[in-house]
Amino acid sequence: MTRRRLLAKARQGDQLREGFQKIRDEQGLPKDFPADVLTQAQQIAEAPQPPPARSGVERLDLRSLPFVTIDPAESMDLDQAVYIERRGKGYRVYYAIADVASFVEPGSVLDVETHNRGVTMYSPDMRTPLHPRVVSEDVASLFADVDRPAVVWQIDLNSRGQQIEVDVARAMVRSVGKLSYEQVQKDLDDGTANDSLVCLRDVGLLRQAREVERGGIDVRVPDQEIEDDGPGYRLVMRTPLPVEGWNAQISLLTGICAARMMLDAGVGILRTMKAPSEADYEQVRLTAQSLGIDWPPEQPYAELVRELDPRVPANAAFLNLVTVLLRSAEYTVLTHAVGNDEPASLRHAAVASAYAHVTAPLRRLVDRYGTECCLAIAAGEPVPQWVVDALPELPSEMKRADSRARAMERAQLDLVEAVLMVDHIGERYSAIVVERKRDYVVVQLHWPAVRTRVADPNLELGTRVTLELTAVDVDARTVTFQPST
């Protein structure tokens, strides 16, 4: 699922950048990899390429397929490459995923370090990667115009975008282009895109329609960018392009197919999420009210978010609150085969289906293991013992990593809000109470789109209040509001 990003365009060496480093230190993020891990990563990079397939099975040669990667322009850790062609009235999706397991020896110092990290950690000014860059941004990354080992999913779809055949195997691929979202969107809009990119749009639209039928939530979470604004800063929302949603649908499709394979085989690890509670929905509904968003009582949340234009600031702020509804997501290890009517406990409520993470192994530890499960299942072989042995601990390892990532995100937003508000002490703001706790309430400001605490537990949910900003502490990353008299 999508996680919002906070991007920094602010000046080097200022209080924001120093604050971001302080947050990384508080969360215990390492500044670099241990020396033995870097040495091993360098040895991997200098070894003959490509590495042998870990299963010993000869790789398919798919270098003739014109794969492309589609990512933010600055990305170097390229996990996925895609090629789609028409097959009669349907489509065939080829989705190449970086073959990380062929580079990382189980039990090695590099493997142990990735288990300690869990995920790539994102700060507005830098990334703390899961793997050393010589691996994640070099030999394992699906760069253009070089041969690369990959795990390739082949998914056949009918004319409605429903999967009818699925296979996955190790292969050699050769991407023909490192494309940005902006470039692909422009080519599609002006009619110059090639057939594969046109198919990406068509399949993306079909899969979005199937998502609506399932009751899935289209998580179009806007990125937030910190920009210099004269002597201060401003926080702006970057609206996702349509192609980002279409591209995400290919990843979701693959995760759904992977989950189905694991469920049938009774082995693997799923990304699961309980349906949000009525209290969660009520909190989000109150926020919609505070932002002036019309949400009829009978309209499902999944339908509402599809109608909102994220270019509207209030809508963008509301869409960011999807994290409130997704906070119960976790990983679940399978212990037995499950039929087509999988229980709710094995489904991901936002995807409205069983779902597994298998498409971002350079940035997320669990994907390497889910991928190895699917490769073995597809080949009719036992899942490797090193995978089976690791599965029981993966949920807790990923939970620690995800919790740290969420804590970093919250601290970074708190810092940015404090910096933005520091020159506005004494000003008044309109807000609504969206959550009640024992000693405080959470309020949503109408503008700027800030959520904060007010130390007045007597305020009722849904109450509209006028607040005065009474104090800002940038070092503590706090802003203090009091009800205005």
Protein backbone atom coordinates (compact mmCIF):
# COMPACT_ATOMS: atom_id res chain seq x y z
CA MET A 1 0.00 0.00 0.00
CA THR A 2 1.02 3.56 -0.57
CA ARG A 3 2.74 5.56 2.13
CA ARG A 4 2.85 9.33 1.83
CA ARG A 5 6.26 10.89 1.42
CA LEU A 6 7.50 14.13 2.94
CA LEU A 7 9.99 15.69 0.53
CA ALA A 8 12.41 18.49 1.37
CA LYS A 9 13.44 21.29 -0.97
CA ALA A 10 14.55 23.48 1.89
CA ARG A 11 18.00 25.01 2.29
CA GLN A 12 20.98 22.88 3.30
CA GLY A 13 22.15 23.14 6.91
CA ASP A 14 18.99 24.78 8.26
CA GLN A 15 16.93 23.84 11.30
CA LEU A 16 14.78 21.44 9.29
CA ARG A 17 17.70 19.38 8.08
CA GLU A 18 19.25 19.37 11.54
CA GLY A 19 15.90 18.37 12.99
CA PHE A 20 15.54 15.48 10.56
CA GLN A 21 18.94 14.14 11.62
CA LYS A 22 17.95 14.44 15.27
CA ILE A 23 14.85 12.35 14.56
CA ARG A 24 16.93 9.68 12.84
CA ASP A 25 19.24 9.59 15.85
CA GLU A 26 16.28 9.26 18.22
CA GLN A 27 14.97 6.30 16.24
CA GLY A 28 18.38 4.66 16.23
CA LEU A 29 18.85 4.74 12.47
CA PRO A 30 22.43 3.88 11.52
CA LYS A 31 24.41 6.46 9.60
CA ASP A 32 26.06 3.72 7.52
CA PHE A 33 26.40 -0.04 7.27
CA PRO A 34 28.89 -1.96 9.42
CA ALA A 35 32.27 -2.42 7.79
CA ASP A 36 31.88 -6.19 7.33
CA VAL A 37 28.51 -5.69 5.62
CA LEU A 38 29.98 -3.12 3.24
CA THR A 39 32.89 -5.45 2.49
CA GLN A 40 30.53 -8.30 1.69
CA ALA A 41 28.34 -6.06 -0.46
CA GLN A 42 31.40 -4.95 -2.43
CA GLN A 43 32.41 -8.58 -2.95
CA ILE A 44 28.93 -9.30 -4.27
CA ALA A 45 29.20 -6.40 -6.69
CA GLU A 46 32.63 -7.53 -7.91
CA ALA A 47 31.65 -11.19 -8.33
CA PRO A 48 30.81 -12.52 -11.80
CA GLN A 49 27.38 -11.34 -12.86
CA PRO A 50 24.69 -12.48 -12.95
CA PRO A 51 24.78 -14.62 -9.82
CA PRO A 52 23.53 -18.19 -10.22
CA ALA A 53 19.86 -18.75 -9.53
CA ARG A 54 19.57 -19.86 -5.90
CA SER A 55 17.22 -22.71 -6.77
CA GLY A 56 19.71 -24.04 -9.33
CA VAL A 57 17.09 -23.83 -12.09
CA GLU A 58 18.30 -22.23 -15.31
CA ARG A 59 16.90 -18.76 -15.84
CA LEU A 60 14.51 -17.97 -18.65
CA ASP A 61 15.96 -15.61 -21.24
CA LEU A 62 13.48 -12.73 -21.49
CA ARG A 63 15.96 -10.09 -22.62
CA SER A 64 14.05 -9.64 -25.88
CA LEU A 65 11.02 -8.23 -24.02
CA PRO A 66 11.14 -4.40 -23.93
CA PHE A 67 10.70 -3.91 -20.19
CA VAL A 68 10.78 -0.38 -18.74
CA THR A 69 10.98 0.90 -15.18
CA ILE A 70 8.60 3.67 -14.08
CA ASP A 71 9.56 5.52 -10.92
CA PRO A 72 10.21 8.98 -9.52
CA ALA A 73 12.93 10.52 -11.68
CA GLU A 74 15.51 10.46 -8.89
CA SER A 75 15.05 6.77 -8.00
CA MET A 76 18.01 4.43 -8.34
CA ASP A 77 16.76 1.37 -6.43
CA LEU A 78 14.61 0.04 -9.26
CA ASP A 79 12.64 -2.96 -7.99
CA GLN A 80 10.18 -3.37 -10.85
CA ALA A 81 10.10 -3.32 -14.63
CA VAL A 82 6.96 -3.85 -16.69
CA TYR A 83 5.97 -4.91 -20.17
CA ILE A 84 2.35 -5.51 -21.23
CA GLU A 85 1.01 -6.80 -24.52
CA ARG A 86 -2.42 -7.52 -25.90
CA ARG A 87 -3.41 -11.20 -26.15
CA GLY A 88 -6.61 -11.52 -28.17
CA LYS A 89 -9.26 -9.61 -26.23
CA GLY A 90 -7.16 -9.68 -23.08
CA TYR A 91 -3.65 -8.87 -21.96
CA ARG A 92 -0.44 -10.48 -20.81
CA VAL A 93 1.43 -8.68 -18.04
CA TYR A 94 5.15 -9.33 -17.60
CA TYR A 95 6.36 -7.90 -14.31
CA ALA A 96 10.05 -8.22 -13.53
CA ILE A 97 11.12 -7.89 -9.91
CA ALA A 98 14.73 -7.48 -8.73
CA ASP A 99 16.06 -10.92 -7.77
CA VAL A 100 17.47 -9.92 -4.39
CA ALA A 101 17.65 -13.47 -3.01
CA SER A 102 20.23 -14.35 -5.64
CA PHE A 103 22.54 -11.69 -4.20
CA VAL A 104 21.97 -12.14 -0.45
CA GLU A 105 23.26 -15.37 1.10
CA PRO A 106 20.98 -16.61 3.92
CA GLY A 107 22.69 -16.18 7.28
CA SER A 108 25.37 -13.85 5.91
CA VAL A 109 26.27 -10.59 7.64
CA LEU A 110 24.37 -8.76 4.90
CA ASP A 111 21.30 -10.92 5.48
CA VAL A 112 21.45 -10.33 9.24
CA GLU A 113 21.73 -6.57 8.70
CA THR A 114 18.65 -6.52 6.45
CA HIS A 115 16.69 -8.32 9.16
CA ASN A 116 17.79 -5.66 11.64
CA ARG A 117 16.63 -2.87 9.31
CA GLY A 118 13.46 -4.38 7.84
CA VAL A 119 12.69 -1.58 5.38
CA THR A 120 14.27 1.39 3.68
CA MET A 121 13.60 4.39 5.92
CA TYR A 122 12.60 7.64 4.22
CA SER A 123 13.41 11.08 5.54
CA PRO A 124 12.61 14.27 3.62
CA ASP A 125 16.28 14.90 2.95
CA MET A 126 17.68 11.38 2.55
CA ARG A 127 17.02 7.64 2.66
CA THR A 128 18.42 5.00 5.02
CA PRO A 129 18.47 1.98 2.69
CA LEU A 130 17.71 -1.64 3.47
CA HIS A 131 20.71 -2.81 1.43
CA PRO A 132 24.06 -1.14 0.75
CA ARG A 133 23.79 1.06 -2.32
CA VAL A 134 26.29 -1.01 -4.28
CA VAL A 135 23.58 -3.70 -4.22
CA SER A 136 20.30 -1.78 -4.16
CA GLU A 137 21.37 1.00 -6.53
CA ASP A 138 23.78 -0.95 -8.69
CA VAL A 139 24.08 -4.68 -9.34
CA ALA A 140 20.57 -5.70 -8.24
CA SER A 141 18.73 -2.63 -9.57
CA LEU A 142 16.90 -3.05 -12.87
CA PHE A 143 18.83 -0.39 -14.76
CA ALA A 144 18.22 0.22 -18.44
CA ASP A 145 20.48 -1.23 -21.13
CA VAL A 146 22.15 -3.85 -18.90
CA ASP A 147 21.35 -7.52 -18.34
CA ARG A 148 19.84 -8.14 -14.92
CA PRO A 149 18.62 -11.23 -13.04
CA ALA A 150 14.98 -10.91 -12.12
CA VAL A 151 11.94 -12.77 -10.91
CA VAL A 152 9.34 -12.39 -13.66
CA TRP A 153 5.62 -12.70 -13.10
CA GLN A 154 3.54 -13.60 -16.16
CA ILE A 155 -0.12 -12.80 -15.59
CA ASP A 156 -2.77 -13.29 -18.26
CA LEU A 157 -5.91 -11.17 -17.99
CA ASN A 158 -9.24 -11.36 -19.76
CA SER A 159 -10.98 -8.41 -21.38
CA ARG A 160 -12.24 -7.22 -17.98
CA GLY A 161 -8.80 -7.27 -16.42
CA GLN A 162 -9.43 -10.42 -14.36
CA GLN A 163 -6.51 -12.80 -13.92
CA ILE A 164 -6.91 -16.16 -15.66
CA GLU A 165 -3.36 -17.60 -15.67
CA VAL A 166 -0.38 -16.85 -13.43
CA ASP A 167 3.21 -18.04 -13.47
CA VAL A 168 6.46 -16.84 -11.95
CA ALA A 169 10.06 -17.85 -12.63
CA ARG A 170 13.61 -16.57 -12.52
CA ALA A 171 14.82 -14.94 -15.72
CA MET A 172 17.32 -12.60 -17.31
CA VAL A 173 15.85 -9.28 -18.43
CA ARG A 174 17.14 -6.13 -20.06
CA SER A 175 15.16 -2.95 -19.46
CA VAL A 176 15.10 -0.58 -22.43
CA GLY A 177 14.19 2.57 -20.50
CA LYS A 178 14.34 4.24 -17.10
CA LEU A 179 11.14 6.29 -17.26
CA SER A 180 9.69 8.82 -14.84
CA TYR A 181 6.02 9.12 -13.99
CA GLU A 182 5.96 12.60 -15.51
CA GLN A 183 7.46 11.38 -18.78
CA VAL A 184 5.06 8.45 -19.13
CA GLN A 185 2.03 10.60 -18.28
CA LYS A 186 3.09 13.16 -20.90
CA ASP A 187 3.56 10.46 -23.55
CA LEU A 188 0.16 8.97 -22.80
CA ASP A 189 -1.53 12.37 -22.81
CA ASP A 190 -0.05 13.49 -26.13
CA GLY A 191 -0.51 10.15 -27.88
CA THR A 192 3.18 9.27 -28.34
CA ALA A 193 3.32 6.40 -25.82
CA ASN A 194 4.21 2.94 -27.15
CA ASP A 195 1.79 0.02 -27.13
CA SER A 196 3.03 -1.37 -23.81
CA LEU A 197 2.43 1.93 -22.00
CA VAL A 198 -1.00 2.25 -23.60
CA CYS A 199 -1.71 -1.26 -22.30
CA LEU A 200 -0.50 -0.15 -18.87
CA ARG A 201 -3.13 2.58 -18.89
CA ASP A 202 -5.83 0.23 -20.17
CA VAL A 203 -5.02 -2.53 -17.67
CA GLY A 204 -4.69 0.03 -14.87
CA LEU A 205 -8.15 1.38 -15.61
CA LEU A 206 -9.61 -2.14 -15.77
CA ARG A 207 -8.00 -3.10 -12.49
CA GLN A 208 -9.29 0.08 -10.87
CA ALA A 209 -12.78 -0.88 -12.02
CA ARG A 210 -12.34 -4.36 -10.52
CA GLU A 211 -11.12 -2.70 -7.32
CA VAL A 212 -14.36 -0.73 -7.15
CA GLU A 213 -16.32 -3.95 -7.52
CA ARG A 214 -14.36 -5.56 -4.68
CA GLY A 215 -14.88 -2.55 -2.44
CA GLY A 216 -11.18 -1.74 -2.30
CA ILE A 217 -9.87 1.67 -1.26
CA ASP A 218 -7.95 3.67 -3.85
CA VAL A 219 -5.16 5.05 -1.69
CA ARG A 220 -4.12 8.19 -3.58
CA VAL A 221 -2.04 9.63 -0.75
CA PRO A 222 -0.48 12.95 -1.80
CA ASP A 223 3.18 13.62 -1.16
CA GLN A 224 3.95 16.67 0.93
CA GLU A 225 6.80 18.94 -0.10
CA ILE A 226 8.56 21.49 2.09
CA GLU A 227 9.56 24.48 0.02
CA ASP A 228 11.42 27.68 0.83
CA ASP A 229 9.07 30.64 0.88
CA GLY A 230 11.15 33.78 1.32
CA PRO A 231 12.33 33.91 4.92
CA GLY A 232 10.22 30.90 5.94
CA TYR A 233 8.73 27.72 4.54
CA ARG A 234 5.50 26.42 3.13
CA LEU A 235 4.05 22.91 2.96
CA VAL A 236 2.51 21.99 -0.39
CA MET A 237 0.79 18.83 -1.60
CA ARG A 238 2.02 17.03 -4.73
CA THR A 239 -0.89 15.40 -6.50
CA PRO A 240 -0.27 11.85 -7.76
CA LEU A 241 -0.45 11.49 -11.53
CA PRO A 242 -2.97 9.03 -13.01
CA VAL A 243 -0.12 6.81 -14.27
CA GLU A 244 1.04 6.34 -10.67
CA GLY A 245 -2.30 4.73 -9.89
CA TRP A 246 -2.20 2.55 -13.01
CA ASN A 247 1.34 1.43 -12.23
CA ALA A 248 0.36 0.70 -8.62
CA GLN A 249 -2.42 -1.54 -9.90
CA ILE A 250 0.16 -3.84 -11.51
CA SER A 251 1.88 -4.23 -8.15
CA LEU A 252 -1.47 -4.84 -6.43
CA LEU A 253 -2.43 -7.39 -9.09
CA THR A 254 0.84 -9.24 -8.53
CA GLY A 255 0.38 -9.17 -4.75
CA ILE A 256 -3.13 -10.58 -5.09
CA CYS A 257 -1.89 -13.36 -7.38
CA ALA A 258 0.96 -14.15 -4.98
CA ALA A 259 -1.44 -14.36 -2.05
CA ARG A 260 -3.70 -16.76 -3.94
CA MET A 261 -0.74 -19.04 -4.68
CA MET A 262 0.27 -19.03 -1.01
CA LEU A 263 -3.28 -19.69 0.19
CA ASP A 264 -3.65 -22.66 -2.14
CA ALA A 265 -0.29 -24.09 -1.06
CA GLY A 266 -0.71 -23.31 2.64
CA VAL A 267 2.68 -21.67 2.98
CA GLY A 268 3.81 -18.05 2.82
CA ILE A 269 3.25 -14.70 4.46
CA LEU A 270 0.37 -12.31 3.76
CA ARG A 271 -0.15 -8.61 4.38
CA THR A 272 -3.43 -8.53 6.29
CA MET A 273 -5.61 -5.77 7.68
CA LYS A 274 -8.80 -5.87 9.69
CA ALA A 275 -11.69 -3.74 8.51
CA PRO A 276 -11.63 -0.30 10.16
CA SER A 277 -13.93 0.13 13.13
CA GLU A 278 -16.95 2.40 13.22
CA ALA A 279 -14.98 4.64 15.61
CA ASP A 280 -12.22 4.97 13.00
CA TYR A 281 -14.73 5.92 10.33
CA GLU A 282 -16.41 8.40 12.67
CA GLN A 283 -13.09 10.12 13.31
CA VAL A 284 -12.42 10.39 9.58
CA ARG A 285 -15.99 11.59 8.98
CA LEU A 286 -15.50 14.40 11.52
CA THR A 287 -12.32 15.42 9.75
CA ALA A 288 -14.17 15.54 6.44
CA GLN A 289 -16.72 17.80 8.10
CA SER A 290 -13.99 20.10 9.44
CA LEU A 291 -12.45 20.39 5.97
CA GLY A 292 -15.77 21.18 4.29
CA ILE A 293 -15.96 17.88 2.39
CA ASP A 294 -19.49 16.70 1.61
CA TRP A 295 -19.77 13.05 2.69
CA PRO A 296 -23.36 11.80 2.60
CA PRO A 297 -24.09 9.31 5.42
CA GLU A 298 -25.03 6.56 2.98
CA GLN A 299 -21.88 6.89 0.83
CA PRO A 300 -19.11 4.31 1.45
CA TYR A 301 -15.66 5.70 2.23
CA ALA A 302 -14.10 3.79 -0.70
CA GLU A 303 -16.50 5.56 -3.08
CA LEU A 304 -15.90 8.98 -1.56
CA VAL A 305 -12.12 8.93 -1.90
CA ARG A 306 -12.38 8.03 -5.58
CA GLU A 307 -14.42 11.17 -6.22
CA LEU A 308 -12.09 13.60 -4.43
CA ASP A 309 -9.73 15.67 -6.53
CA PRO A 310 -6.40 15.57 -4.64
CA ARG A 311 -5.40 18.88 -6.27
CA VAL A 312 -7.81 20.59 -3.85
CA PRO A 313 -5.85 21.25 -0.63
CA ALA A 314 -8.68 20.18 1.70
CA ASN A 315 -9.11 16.94 -0.25
CA ALA A 316 -5.37 16.28 -0.14
CA ALA A 317 -5.34 16.74 3.62
CA PHE A 318 -8.29 14.36 3.95
CA LEU A 319 -6.69 11.71 1.75
CA ASN A 320 -3.64 11.75 3.99
CA LEU A 321 -5.88 10.44 6.77
CA VAL A 322 -6.05 7.06 5.07
CA THR A 323 -3.27 6.18 7.53
CA VAL A 324 -5.89 6.31 10.32
CA LEU A 325 -7.79 3.50 8.61
CA LEU A 326 -4.71 1.45 7.67
CA ARG A 327 -3.04 1.38 11.05
CA SER A 328 -4.12 -2.19 11.83
CA ALA A 329 -2.15 -3.70 8.93
CA GLU A 330 0.15 -6.57 9.88
CA TYR A 331 1.81 -9.68 8.48
CA THR A 332 0.32 -13.15 8.90
CA VAL A 333 2.20 -16.42 8.32
CA LEU A 334 0.20 -19.18 6.65
CA THR A 335 0.19 -22.60 8.28
CA HIS A 336 -2.35 -24.49 6.13
CA ALA A 337 -4.07 -24.33 2.76
CA VAL A 338 -7.19 -22.19 2.45
CA GLY A 339 -9.96 -22.42 -0.13
CA ASN A 340 -11.30 -19.62 -2.31
CA ASP A 341 -13.48 -18.30 0.53
CA GLU A 342 -10.59 -17.17 2.68
CA PRO A 343 -11.53 -15.89 6.16
CA ALA A 344 -11.57 -12.18 6.86
CA SER A 345 -8.51 -12.61 9.07
CA LEU A 346 -6.44 -13.41 5.97
CA ARG A 347 -7.69 -10.52 3.87
CA HIS A 348 -6.46 -6.96 3.50
CA ALA A 349 -9.48 -4.73 4.02
CA ALA A 350 -8.18 -1.86 1.89
CA VAL A 351 -7.30 -4.17 -1.01
CA ALA A 352 -10.55 -6.09 -0.39
CA SER A 353 -8.70 -9.32 -1.12
CA ALA A 354 -5.98 -11.55 0.19
CA TYR A 355 -2.70 -9.80 -0.60
CA ALA A 356 1.05 -10.32 -0.23
CA HIS A 357 4.12 -8.12 -0.53
CA VAL A 358 6.39 -9.45 -3.30
CA THR A 359 7.21 -6.48 -5.54
CA ALA A 360 9.67 -4.31 -3.58
CA PRO A 361 12.49 -6.59 -2.29
CA LEU A 362 15.15 -3.88 -2.54
CA ARG A 363 13.21 -1.73 -0.06
CA ARG A 364 11.25 -4.22 2.07
CA LEU A 365 12.65 -7.38 3.67
CA VAL A 366 9.48 -9.48 3.63
CA ASP A 367 9.18 -9.35 -0.17
CA ARG A 368 12.27 -11.52 -0.61
CA TYR A 369 10.63 -14.31 1.39
CA GLY A 370 7.21 -14.04 -0.20
CA THR A 371 8.83 -14.19 -3.63
CA GLU A 372 10.79 -17.34 -2.77
CA CYS A 373 7.59 -19.01 -1.56
CA CYS A 374 5.86 -18.25 -4.85
CA LEU A 375 8.81 -19.41 -6.97
CA ALA A 376 8.82 -22.76 -5.18
CA ILE A 377 5.04 -23.14 -5.42
CA ALA A 378 5.06 -22.35 -9.15
CA ALA A 379 7.84 -24.88 -9.76
CA GLY A 380 6.11 -27.57 -7.70
CA GLU A 381 9.03 -27.70 -5.28
CA PRO A 382 9.28 -27.42 -1.48
CA VAL A 383 9.80 -23.91 -0.16
CA PRO A 384 13.52 -23.57 0.71
CA GLN A 385 14.27 -24.39 4.32
CA TRP A 386 15.97 -21.04 4.94
CA VAL A 387 12.68 -19.37 4.00
CA VAL A 388 10.57 -21.68 6.16
CA ASP A 389 12.88 -21.09 9.12
CA ALA A 390 12.63 -17.30 8.78
CA LEU A 391 8.85 -17.02 8.34
CA PRO A 392 7.80 -17.21 12.03
CA GLU A 393 9.91 -14.19 13.02
CA LEU A 394 9.17 -12.03 9.99
CA PRO A 395 5.90 -10.51 11.31
CA SER A 396 7.58 -9.19 14.45
CA GLU A 397 10.64 -7.99 12.51
CA MET A 398 8.47 -6.12 10.03
CA LYS A 399 6.26 -4.73 12.81
CA ARG A 400 9.31 -3.20 14.49
CA ALA A 401 10.48 -1.70 11.22
CA ASP A 402 7.04 -0.34 10.30
CA SER A 403 6.54 1.11 13.78
CA ARG A 404 9.86 2.92 13.53
CA ALA A 405 8.94 4.24 10.07
CA ARG A 406 5.60 5.55 11.38
CA ALA A 407 7.27 7.17 14.38
CA MET A 408 9.74 8.88 12.07
CA GLU A 409 6.97 10.11 9.80
CA ARG A 410 5.00 11.54 12.72
CA ALA A 411 8.06 13.24 14.20
CA GLN A 412 9.00 14.70 10.84
CA LEU A 413 5.52 16.13 10.35
CA ASP A 414 5.55 17.52 13.89
CA LEU A 415 8.87 19.23 13.16
CA VAL A 416 7.64 20.70 9.89
CA GLU A 417 4.42 21.97 11.50
CA ALA A 418 6.41 23.60 14.30
CA VAL A 419 8.74 25.33 11.83
CA LEU A 420 5.79 26.48 9.71
CA MET A 421 3.89 27.89 12.71
CA VAL A 422 6.73 29.48 14.69
CA ASP A 423 6.10 32.97 13.34
CA HIS A 424 2.33 32.85 13.89
CA ILE A 425 2.05 32.87 17.70
CA GLY A 426 -1.01 34.81 18.80
CA GLU A 427 -3.00 34.13 15.63
CA ARG A 428 -6.39 32.43 15.72
CA TYR A 429 -7.52 29.37 13.78
CA SER A 430 -10.80 27.57 13.20
CA ALA A 431 -10.85 23.86 13.98
CA ILE A 432 -13.07 20.88 14.79
CA VAL A 433 -12.62 18.20 17.45
CA VAL A 434 -12.04 14.85 15.69
CA GLU A 435 -10.88 12.58 18.54
CA ARG A 436 -11.20 12.49 22.33
CA LYS A 437 -8.66 11.07 24.77
CA ARG A 438 -8.61 11.00 28.56
CA ASP A 439 -6.51 14.16 29.01
CA TYR A 440 -6.82 15.93 25.67
CA VAL A 441 -8.65 16.16 22.37
CA VAL A 442 -7.30 16.01 18.81
CA VAL A 443 -8.41 18.85 16.56
CA GLN A 444 -8.16 19.39 12.82
CA LEU A 445 -7.47 22.95 11.74
CA HIS A 446 -9.33 24.22 8.70
CA TRP A 447 -6.13 25.86 7.46
CA PRO A 448 -3.30 25.05 7.45
CA ALA A 449 -4.14 21.33 7.39
CA VAL A 450 -2.63 20.64 10.82
CA ARG A 451 -3.85 18.05 13.33
CA THR A 452 -2.82 18.74 16.91
CA ARG A 453 -3.72 18.18 20.54
CA VAL A 454 -5.56 20.60 22.80
CA ALA A 455 -5.40 20.06 26.57
CA ASP A 456 -9.15 20.32 27.12
CA PRO A 457 -10.74 16.87 27.50
CA ASN A 458 -14.18 18.41 27.99
CA LEU A 459 -14.60 19.39 24.34
CA GLU A 460 -17.06 17.11 22.58
CA LEU A 461 -16.48 15.28 19.30
CA GLY A 462 -17.51 17.39 16.33
CA THR A 463 -17.34 20.66 18.27
CA ARG A 464 -16.19 23.61 16.19
CA VAL A 465 -13.73 25.76 18.11
CA THR A 466 -11.60 28.85 17.60
CA LEU A 467 -8.06 28.29 18.82
CA GLU A 468 -5.21 30.63 19.54
CA LEU A 469 -1.65 29.53 18.86
CA THR A 470 0.04 30.26 22.17
CA ALA A 471 3.46 28.59 21.90
CA VAL A 472 5.79 26.81 19.47
CA ASP A 473 8.84 24.79 20.45
CA VAL A 474 10.78 23.73 17.35
CA ASP A 475 13.31 21.68 19.33
CA ALA A 476 10.53 19.72 21.05
CA ARG A 477 8.48 19.70 17.81
CA THR A 478 5.35 20.95 19.57
CA VAL A 479 2.74 23.58 18.84
CA THR A 480 0.35 24.65 21.60
CA PHE A 481 -3.18 25.85 20.98
CA GLN A 482 -5.70 27.04 23.53
CA PRO A 483 -9.41 27.68 23.02
CA SER A 484 -9.78 31.38 22.24
CA THR A 485 -11.77 33.42 24.74
